[in-house]
Amino acid sequence: MSALKFILHLLVWLMIVIFQIVASYLIIFLLYVIFSGVDTTSRGGWLASLFVIWLGYVIGVNLIGLIAISWVWKGVRLLTVQRLLGSAIGALIPLVILLPIGFSVPVGDSGTRFFDLVTNTWQPILAQASLFAAILGYFIPGMINIKNQPTITANTV
């Protein structure tokens, strides 16, 4: 029976991760629709697009994660601030790695070296790494034992 319970917990966790990914993409899409007039051919527009990616990942991962803890995993410590910081820092690290690559090449439209090297090659790779680092950063505070933290469960909120 414990093997079945383990598989069930693993499937629920996998579904939550999939919902976090979908919610993050949906939030990024909505932010890009709202701010559709941003010029991504300038340095400021490119930095704004990186900020939107980071913000979408942090909001999507934390929103679905907190809903899952409140509704699915009752009794798990919320650790809201630690999970928010973990996901924010996790999502930020790959995007910070992208900054020197983006600043080493002059900005331009499609067909330029910036478009080929940064926008088409490195940005998608590091943006995906940023998403998975945000998810990992969200779950790490729940895996480690945090000392001097009051225990607040989802049932008491």
N, C-alpha and C. Protein backbone atom coordinates (compact mmCIF):
# COMPACT_ATOMS: atom_id res chain seq x y z
N MET A 1 0.81 -1.19 0.00
CA MET A 1 0.00 0.00 0.00
C MET A 1 0.85 1.26 0.00
N SER A 2 2.03 1.21 0.63
CA SER A 2 2.86 2.40 0.69
C SER A 2 3.44 2.75 -0.68
N ALA A 3 3.67 1.74 -1.53
CA ALA A 3 4.17 2.01 -2.87
C ALA A 3 3.11 2.74 -3.70
N LEU A 4 1.87 2.34 -3.55
CA LEU A 4 0.78 3.01 -4.25
C LEU A 4 0.62 4.45 -3.77
N LYS A 5 0.75 4.64 -2.47
CA LYS A 5 0.66 5.98 -1.91
C LYS A 5 1.81 6.87 -2.40
N PHE A 6 3.02 6.30 -2.50
CA PHE A 6 4.17 7.04 -3.02
C PHE A 6 3.94 7.45 -4.47
N ILE A 7 3.45 6.53 -5.28
CA ILE A 7 3.18 6.83 -6.69
C ILE A 7 2.10 7.90 -6.81
N LEU A 8 1.08 7.82 -5.97
CA LEU A 8 0.03 8.83 -5.98
C LEU A 8 0.57 10.21 -5.61
N HIS A 9 1.41 10.28 -4.58
CA HIS A 9 2.03 11.55 -4.19
C HIS A 9 2.93 12.09 -5.31
N LEU A 10 3.65 11.20 -5.96
CA LEU A 10 4.52 11.62 -7.06
C LEU A 10 3.71 12.17 -8.23
N LEU A 11 2.59 11.53 -8.54
CA LEU A 11 1.73 12.01 -9.63
C LEU A 11 1.09 13.36 -9.29
N VAL A 12 0.67 13.53 -8.05
CA VAL A 12 0.10 14.82 -7.63
C VAL A 12 1.16 15.91 -7.71
N TRP A 13 2.36 15.61 -7.25
CA TRP A 13 3.45 16.59 -7.33
C TRP A 13 3.75 16.95 -8.78
N LEU A 14 3.78 15.94 -9.66
CA LEU A 14 4.04 16.19 -11.08
C LEU A 14 2.94 17.05 -11.70
N MET A 15 1.70 16.81 -11.34
CA MET A 15 0.60 17.64 -11.85
C MET A 15 0.71 19.08 -11.36
N ILE A 16 1.13 19.26 -10.13
CA ILE A 16 1.30 20.61 -9.60
C ILE A 16 2.41 21.33 -10.35
N VAL A 17 3.50 20.63 -10.63
CA VAL A 17 4.60 21.24 -11.39
C VAL A 17 4.12 21.62 -12.79
N ILE A 18 3.33 20.77 -13.41
CA ILE A 18 2.79 21.08 -14.75
C ILE A 18 1.87 22.30 -14.67
N PHE A 19 1.02 22.37 -13.64
CA PHE A 19 0.16 23.54 -13.47
C PHE A 19 0.98 24.80 -13.21
N GLN A 20 2.10 24.69 -12.49
CA GLN A 20 2.97 25.85 -12.27
C GLN A 20 3.56 26.33 -13.60
N ILE A 21 3.96 25.42 -14.44
CA ILE A 21 4.53 25.79 -15.74
C ILE A 21 3.46 26.46 -16.61
N VAL A 22 2.28 25.87 -16.66
CA VAL A 22 1.20 26.43 -17.48
C VAL A 22 0.80 27.81 -16.97
N ALA A 23 0.66 27.96 -15.66
CA ALA A 23 0.29 29.26 -15.10
C ALA A 23 1.36 30.32 -15.38
N SER A 24 2.62 29.93 -15.30
CA SER A 24 3.70 30.88 -15.58
C SER A 24 3.65 31.35 -17.03
N TYR A 25 3.46 30.40 -17.94
CA TYR A 25 3.36 30.78 -19.36
C TYR A 25 2.14 31.66 -19.62
N LEU A 26 1.04 31.34 -18.98
CA LEU A 26 -0.18 32.13 -19.15
C LEU A 26 0.01 33.56 -18.64
N ILE A 27 0.64 33.71 -17.50
CA ILE A 27 0.88 35.05 -16.94
C ILE A 27 1.82 35.83 -17.84
N ILE A 28 2.87 35.19 -18.35
CA ILE A 28 3.78 35.88 -19.28
C ILE A 28 3.03 36.29 -20.54
N PHE A 29 2.19 35.42 -21.06
CA PHE A 29 1.40 35.77 -22.24
C PHE A 29 0.51 36.97 -21.97
N LEU A 30 -0.18 36.96 -20.83
CA LEU A 30 -1.06 38.09 -20.49
C LEU A 30 -0.27 39.39 -20.32
N LEU A 31 0.91 39.31 -19.70
CA LEU A 31 1.73 40.52 -19.55
C LEU A 31 2.22 41.03 -20.90
N TYR A 32 2.57 40.11 -21.81
CA TYR A 32 2.98 40.54 -23.14
C TYR A 32 1.82 41.14 -23.94
N VAL A 33 0.61 40.65 -23.73
CA VAL A 33 -0.56 41.23 -24.39
C VAL A 33 -0.84 42.63 -23.84
N ILE A 34 -0.75 42.76 -22.51
CA ILE A 34 -1.00 44.07 -21.89
C ILE A 34 0.04 45.08 -22.33
N PHE A 35 1.31 44.68 -22.35
CA PHE A 35 2.39 45.60 -22.71
C PHE A 35 2.92 45.28 -24.10
N SER A 36 2.04 45.17 -25.07
CA SER A 36 2.43 44.77 -26.42
C SER A 36 3.19 45.85 -27.18
N GLY A 37 3.15 47.09 -26.73
CA GLY A 37 3.82 48.16 -27.45
C GLY A 37 5.28 48.33 -27.11
N VAL A 38 5.85 47.46 -26.27
CA VAL A 38 7.25 47.60 -25.87
C VAL A 38 8.14 47.22 -27.05
N ASP A 39 9.12 48.07 -27.34
CA ASP A 39 10.04 47.85 -28.44
C ASP A 39 11.15 46.91 -27.98
N THR A 40 11.15 45.68 -28.47
CA THR A 40 12.17 44.72 -28.05
C THR A 40 13.46 44.84 -28.85
N THR A 41 13.51 45.76 -29.81
CA THR A 41 14.74 45.94 -30.57
C THR A 41 15.69 46.90 -29.87
N SER A 42 15.27 47.50 -28.77
CA SER A 42 16.16 48.37 -28.00
C SER A 42 16.65 47.61 -26.77
N ARG A 43 17.70 48.12 -26.16
CA ARG A 43 18.25 47.48 -24.96
C ARG A 43 17.24 47.51 -23.81
N GLY A 44 16.56 48.63 -23.64
CA GLY A 44 15.56 48.74 -22.58
C GLY A 44 14.39 47.80 -22.79
N GLY A 45 13.94 47.65 -24.04
CA GLY A 45 12.84 46.73 -24.35
C GLY A 45 13.24 45.28 -24.10
N TRP A 46 14.49 44.96 -24.42
CA TRP A 46 14.97 43.60 -24.17
C TRP A 46 15.04 43.32 -22.67
N LEU A 47 15.51 44.30 -21.90
CA LEU A 47 15.56 44.15 -20.45
C LEU A 47 14.14 44.06 -19.87
N ALA A 48 13.22 44.82 -20.43
CA ALA A 48 11.82 44.73 -19.98
C ALA A 48 11.24 43.36 -20.27
N SER A 49 11.59 42.77 -21.40
CA SER A 49 11.09 41.42 -21.70
C SER A 49 11.67 40.39 -20.73
N LEU A 50 12.93 40.57 -20.34
CA LEU A 50 13.51 39.67 -19.33
C LEU A 50 12.82 39.84 -17.98
N PHE A 51 12.48 41.08 -17.64
CA PHE A 51 11.77 41.32 -16.38
C PHE A 51 10.38 40.69 -16.41
N VAL A 52 9.70 40.76 -17.53
CA VAL A 52 8.37 40.15 -17.66
C VAL A 52 8.47 38.64 -17.53
N ILE A 53 9.50 38.05 -18.12
CA ILE A 53 9.71 36.61 -18.00
C ILE A 53 9.93 36.24 -16.53
N TRP A 54 10.80 36.98 -15.86
CA TRP A 54 11.09 36.71 -14.45
C TRP A 54 9.83 36.86 -13.59
N LEU A 55 9.10 37.96 -13.79
CA LEU A 55 7.90 38.22 -13.01
C LEU A 55 6.83 37.16 -13.25
N GLY A 56 6.65 36.76 -14.49
CA GLY A 56 5.67 35.72 -14.81
C GLY A 56 6.00 34.39 -14.16
N TYR A 57 7.28 34.03 -14.16
CA TYR A 57 7.69 32.78 -13.52
C TYR A 57 7.46 32.83 -12.02
N VAL A 58 7.82 33.94 -11.38
CA VAL A 58 7.68 34.04 -9.94
C VAL A 58 6.21 34.01 -9.53
N ILE A 59 5.38 34.76 -10.23
CA ILE A 59 3.94 34.79 -9.89
C ILE A 59 3.30 33.44 -10.16
N GLY A 60 3.55 32.85 -11.31
CA GLY A 60 2.92 31.57 -11.66
C GLY A 60 3.31 30.44 -10.74
N VAL A 61 4.59 30.33 -10.42
CA VAL A 61 5.06 29.25 -9.56
C VAL A 61 4.51 29.41 -8.15
N ASN A 62 4.54 30.63 -7.61
CA ASN A 62 4.06 30.84 -6.25
C ASN A 62 2.55 30.75 -6.14
N LEU A 63 1.83 31.25 -7.11
CA LEU A 63 0.37 31.20 -7.06
C LEU A 63 -0.13 29.76 -7.04
N ILE A 64 0.32 28.96 -7.98
CA ILE A 64 -0.12 27.57 -8.04
C ILE A 64 0.43 26.78 -6.86
N GLY A 65 1.65 27.07 -6.45
CA GLY A 65 2.23 26.37 -5.31
C GLY A 65 1.45 26.61 -4.03
N LEU A 66 1.08 27.86 -3.77
CA LEU A 66 0.32 28.16 -2.56
C LEU A 66 -1.09 27.58 -2.61
N ILE A 67 -1.69 27.59 -3.78
CA ILE A 67 -3.01 26.95 -3.93
C ILE A 67 -2.89 25.45 -3.66
N ALA A 68 -1.83 24.84 -4.17
CA ALA A 68 -1.65 23.40 -3.95
C ALA A 68 -1.42 23.08 -2.49
N ILE A 69 -0.64 23.90 -1.80
CA ILE A 69 -0.40 23.66 -0.38
C ILE A 69 -1.69 23.85 0.41
N SER A 70 -2.48 24.83 0.05
CA SER A 70 -3.71 25.10 0.78
C SER A 70 -4.79 24.06 0.52
N TRP A 71 -4.89 23.56 -0.71
CA TRP A 71 -5.99 22.68 -1.06
C TRP A 71 -5.60 21.20 -1.09
N VAL A 72 -4.39 20.90 -1.55
CA VAL A 72 -4.02 19.51 -1.77
C VAL A 72 -3.19 18.95 -0.61
N TRP A 73 -2.13 19.66 -0.25
CA TRP A 73 -1.21 19.17 0.77
C TRP A 73 -1.50 19.83 2.10
N LYS A 74 -2.59 19.51 2.69
CA LYS A 74 -2.95 20.09 3.98
C LYS A 74 -1.97 19.58 5.03
N GLY A 75 -1.54 20.48 5.89
CA GLY A 75 -0.59 20.12 6.93
C GLY A 75 0.84 20.43 6.58
N VAL A 76 1.12 20.83 5.35
CA VAL A 76 2.46 21.22 4.94
C VAL A 76 2.68 22.68 5.34
N ARG A 77 3.85 22.97 5.88
CA ARG A 77 4.14 24.36 6.28
C ARG A 77 4.13 25.27 5.06
N LEU A 78 3.52 26.44 5.19
CA LEU A 78 3.40 27.37 4.07
C LEU A 78 4.74 27.96 3.67
N LEU A 79 5.51 28.49 4.61
CA LEU A 79 6.82 29.11 4.34
C LEU A 79 6.73 30.09 3.17
N THR A 80 5.77 30.97 3.23
CA THR A 80 5.46 31.85 2.11
C THR A 80 6.64 32.72 1.70
N VAL A 81 7.27 33.37 2.65
CA VAL A 81 8.38 34.27 2.33
C VAL A 81 9.57 33.49 1.79
N GLN A 82 9.89 32.36 2.42
CA GLN A 82 11.02 31.57 1.97
C GLN A 82 10.78 31.00 0.57
N ARG A 83 9.57 30.57 0.31
CA ARG A 83 9.26 30.04 -1.02
C ARG A 83 9.28 31.15 -2.08
N LEU A 84 8.78 32.33 -1.72
CA LEU A 84 8.81 33.46 -2.65
C LEU A 84 10.25 33.85 -2.97
N LEU A 85 11.08 33.96 -1.95
CA LEU A 85 12.48 34.30 -2.17
C LEU A 85 13.21 33.21 -2.95
N GLY A 86 12.93 31.96 -2.62
CA GLY A 86 13.58 30.86 -3.34
C GLY A 86 13.24 30.84 -4.82
N SER A 87 11.98 31.04 -5.13
CA SER A 87 11.58 31.03 -6.54
C SER A 87 12.08 32.28 -7.26
N ALA A 88 12.08 33.42 -6.57
CA ALA A 88 12.56 34.67 -7.20
C ALA A 88 14.05 34.59 -7.49
N ILE A 89 14.82 34.09 -6.54
CA ILE A 89 16.27 33.97 -6.76
C ILE A 89 16.56 32.88 -7.78
N GLY A 90 15.83 31.78 -7.71
CA GLY A 90 16.04 30.72 -8.69
C GLY A 90 15.74 31.17 -10.11
N ALA A 91 14.69 31.94 -10.28
CA ALA A 91 14.35 32.44 -11.62
C ALA A 91 15.31 33.51 -12.09
N LEU A 92 15.91 34.22 -11.16
CA LEU A 92 16.79 35.33 -11.51
C LEU A 92 18.17 34.87 -11.98
N ILE A 93 18.69 33.81 -11.42
CA ILE A 93 20.07 33.39 -11.71
C ILE A 93 20.31 33.12 -13.20
N PRO A 94 19.52 32.30 -13.89
CA PRO A 94 19.77 32.10 -15.33
C PRO A 94 19.58 33.37 -16.16
N LEU A 95 18.66 34.24 -15.74
CA LEU A 95 18.46 35.48 -16.50
C LEU A 95 19.62 36.44 -16.29
N VAL A 96 20.24 36.41 -15.13
CA VAL A 96 21.43 37.24 -14.89
C VAL A 96 22.60 36.72 -15.73
N ILE A 97 22.67 35.40 -15.91
CA ILE A 97 23.70 34.83 -16.78
C ILE A 97 23.50 35.31 -18.22
N LEU A 98 22.26 35.55 -18.62
CA LEU A 98 21.96 36.02 -19.97
C LEU A 98 22.39 37.48 -20.20
N LEU A 99 22.46 38.27 -19.14
CA LEU A 99 22.79 39.69 -19.28
C LEU A 99 24.15 39.95 -19.93
N PRO A 100 25.24 39.32 -19.50
CA PRO A 100 26.52 39.58 -20.18
C PRO A 100 26.51 39.15 -21.65
N ILE A 101 25.77 38.10 -21.95
CA ILE A 101 25.67 37.67 -23.35
C ILE A 101 24.93 38.73 -24.16
N GLY A 102 23.84 39.26 -23.61
CA GLY A 102 23.07 40.27 -24.32
C GLY A 102 23.78 41.60 -24.44
N PHE A 103 24.57 41.97 -23.43
CA PHE A 103 25.28 43.24 -23.50
C PHE A 103 26.57 43.15 -24.31
N SER A 104 27.01 41.96 -24.68
CA SER A 104 28.23 41.82 -25.47
C SER A 104 27.99 41.99 -26.96
N VAL A 105 26.73 42.02 -27.37
CA VAL A 105 26.37 42.10 -28.79
C VAL A 105 25.50 43.32 -29.00
N PRO A 106 25.73 44.10 -30.08
CA PRO A 106 24.84 45.24 -30.35
C PRO A 106 23.42 44.79 -30.65
N VAL A 107 22.45 45.55 -30.17
CA VAL A 107 21.03 45.23 -30.34
C VAL A 107 20.61 45.51 -31.77
N GLY A 108 19.66 44.68 -32.28
CA GLY A 108 19.16 44.91 -33.63
C GLY A 108 17.92 44.09 -33.91
N ASP A 109 17.37 44.31 -35.11
CA ASP A 109 16.16 43.60 -35.55
C ASP A 109 16.50 42.17 -35.94
N SER A 110 15.47 41.48 -36.43
CA SER A 110 15.67 40.10 -36.87
C SER A 110 16.68 40.07 -38.02
N GLY A 111 17.51 39.04 -37.99
CA GLY A 111 18.57 38.91 -38.98
C GLY A 111 19.90 39.44 -38.50
N THR A 112 19.92 40.16 -37.39
CA THR A 112 21.18 40.68 -36.86
C THR A 112 21.82 39.65 -35.95
N ARG A 113 23.05 39.93 -35.56
CA ARG A 113 23.79 39.01 -34.68
C ARG A 113 23.11 38.90 -33.32
N PHE A 114 22.58 40.02 -32.78
CA PHE A 114 21.89 39.99 -31.49
C PHE A 114 20.67 39.09 -31.57
N PHE A 115 19.90 39.24 -32.62
CA PHE A 115 18.69 38.44 -32.78
C PHE A 115 19.03 36.95 -32.87
N ASP A 116 20.07 36.63 -33.66
CA ASP A 116 20.43 35.22 -33.82
C ASP A 116 21.08 34.63 -32.57
N LEU A 117 22.01 35.36 -31.98
CA LEU A 117 22.76 34.82 -30.85
C LEU A 117 21.96 34.87 -29.55
N VAL A 118 21.37 36.01 -29.25
CA VAL A 118 20.73 36.19 -27.95
C VAL A 118 19.27 35.77 -27.99
N THR A 119 18.48 36.37 -28.88
CA THR A 119 17.04 36.14 -28.88
C THR A 119 16.66 34.74 -29.33
N ASN A 120 17.33 34.21 -30.32
CA ASN A 120 16.96 32.88 -30.83
C ASN A 120 17.72 31.73 -30.20
N THR A 121 18.91 31.98 -29.66
CA THR A 121 19.71 30.88 -29.14
C THR A 121 19.72 30.83 -27.62
N TRP A 122 20.29 31.85 -26.98
CA TRP A 122 20.50 31.79 -25.54
C TRP A 122 19.28 32.13 -24.71
N GLN A 123 18.48 33.06 -25.15
CA GLN A 123 17.32 33.46 -24.35
C GLN A 123 16.33 32.31 -24.13
N PRO A 124 15.95 31.53 -25.14
CA PRO A 124 15.03 30.42 -24.86
C PRO A 124 15.62 29.36 -23.92
N ILE A 125 16.90 29.07 -24.07
CA ILE A 125 17.54 28.07 -23.22
C ILE A 125 17.58 28.54 -21.78
N LEU A 126 18.03 29.76 -21.56
CA LEU A 126 18.16 30.26 -20.19
C LEU A 126 16.80 30.62 -19.59
N ALA A 127 15.82 30.94 -20.41
CA ALA A 127 14.48 31.19 -19.88
C ALA A 127 13.87 29.89 -19.37
N GLN A 128 14.08 28.79 -20.06
CA GLN A 128 13.58 27.50 -19.58
C GLN A 128 14.32 27.08 -18.31
N ALA A 129 15.63 27.32 -18.28
CA ALA A 129 16.40 27.03 -17.06
C ALA A 129 15.89 27.89 -15.91
N SER A 130 15.50 29.12 -16.21
CA SER A 130 14.96 30.01 -15.19
C SER A 130 13.65 29.49 -14.63
N LEU A 131 12.80 28.95 -15.47
CA LEU A 131 11.53 28.38 -15.01
C LEU A 131 11.76 27.20 -14.08
N PHE A 132 12.62 26.29 -14.48
CA PHE A 132 12.85 25.12 -13.64
C PHE A 132 13.62 25.47 -12.37
N ALA A 133 14.47 26.49 -12.43
CA ALA A 133 15.15 26.95 -11.21
C ALA A 133 14.15 27.61 -10.27
N ALA A 134 13.16 28.31 -10.81
CA ALA A 134 12.11 28.90 -9.96
C ALA A 134 11.29 27.82 -9.27
N ILE A 135 10.94 26.77 -9.99
CA ILE A 135 10.19 25.67 -9.39
C ILE A 135 11.03 24.97 -8.32
N LEU A 136 12.29 24.74 -8.62
CA LEU A 136 13.19 24.12 -7.64
C LEU A 136 13.34 25.03 -6.43
N GLY A 137 13.51 26.33 -6.66
CA GLY A 137 13.62 27.28 -5.55
C GLY A 137 12.35 27.36 -4.72
N TYR A 138 11.22 27.06 -5.31
CA TYR A 138 9.97 27.06 -4.56
C TYR A 138 9.89 25.85 -3.63
N PHE A 139 10.33 24.70 -4.09
CA PHE A 139 10.18 23.48 -3.29
C PHE A 139 11.31 23.26 -2.29
N ILE A 140 12.46 23.87 -2.48
CA ILE A 140 13.60 23.65 -1.57
C ILE A 140 13.29 24.07 -0.13
N PRO A 141 12.68 25.23 0.15
CA PRO A 141 12.42 25.56 1.56
C PRO A 141 11.55 24.54 2.28
N GLY A 142 10.69 23.84 1.60
CA GLY A 142 9.88 22.82 2.24
C GLY A 142 10.65 21.53 2.50
N MET A 143 11.76 21.34 1.78
CA MET A 143 12.56 20.12 1.95
C MET A 143 13.58 20.24 3.07
N ILE A 144 14.05 21.47 3.31
CA ILE A 144 15.06 21.64 4.36
C ILE A 144 14.38 22.00 5.66
N ASN A 145 15.04 21.72 6.76
CA ASN A 145 14.50 22.02 8.07
C ASN A 145 14.91 23.43 8.45
N ILE A 146 13.96 24.33 8.55
CA ILE A 146 14.24 25.72 8.87
C ILE A 146 14.06 25.90 10.37
N LYS A 147 15.14 26.29 11.03
CA LYS A 147 15.13 26.47 12.48
C LYS A 147 14.43 27.77 12.85
N ASN A 148 13.86 27.81 14.04
CA ASN A 148 13.22 29.00 14.61
C ASN A 148 12.09 29.53 13.74
N GLN A 149 11.47 28.70 12.96
CA GLN A 149 10.34 29.10 12.13
C GLN A 149 9.07 28.61 12.79
N PRO A 150 8.12 29.52 13.08
CA PRO A 150 6.86 29.04 13.66
C PRO A 150 6.13 28.16 12.64
N THR A 151 5.54 27.11 13.14
CA THR A 151 4.85 26.17 12.29
C THR A 151 3.43 26.66 12.04
N ILE A 152 3.17 27.09 10.80
CA ILE A 152 1.85 27.51 10.38
C ILE A 152 1.44 26.57 9.27
N THR A 153 0.38 25.88 9.47
CA THR A 153 -0.07 24.93 8.45
C THR A 153 -1.22 25.55 7.66
N ALA A 154 -1.53 24.93 6.56
CA ALA A 154 -2.62 25.40 5.71
C ALA A 154 -3.95 25.26 6.39
N ASN A 155 -4.05 24.36 7.36
CA ASN A 155 -5.33 24.14 8.05
C ASN A 155 -5.65 25.29 9.02
N THR A 156 -4.61 25.97 9.53
CA THR A 156 -4.83 27.03 10.50
C THR A 156 -5.06 28.38 9.86
N VAL A 157 -4.87 28.48 8.57
CA VAL A 157 -5.03 29.77 7.89
C VAL A 157 -6.43 29.92 7.40
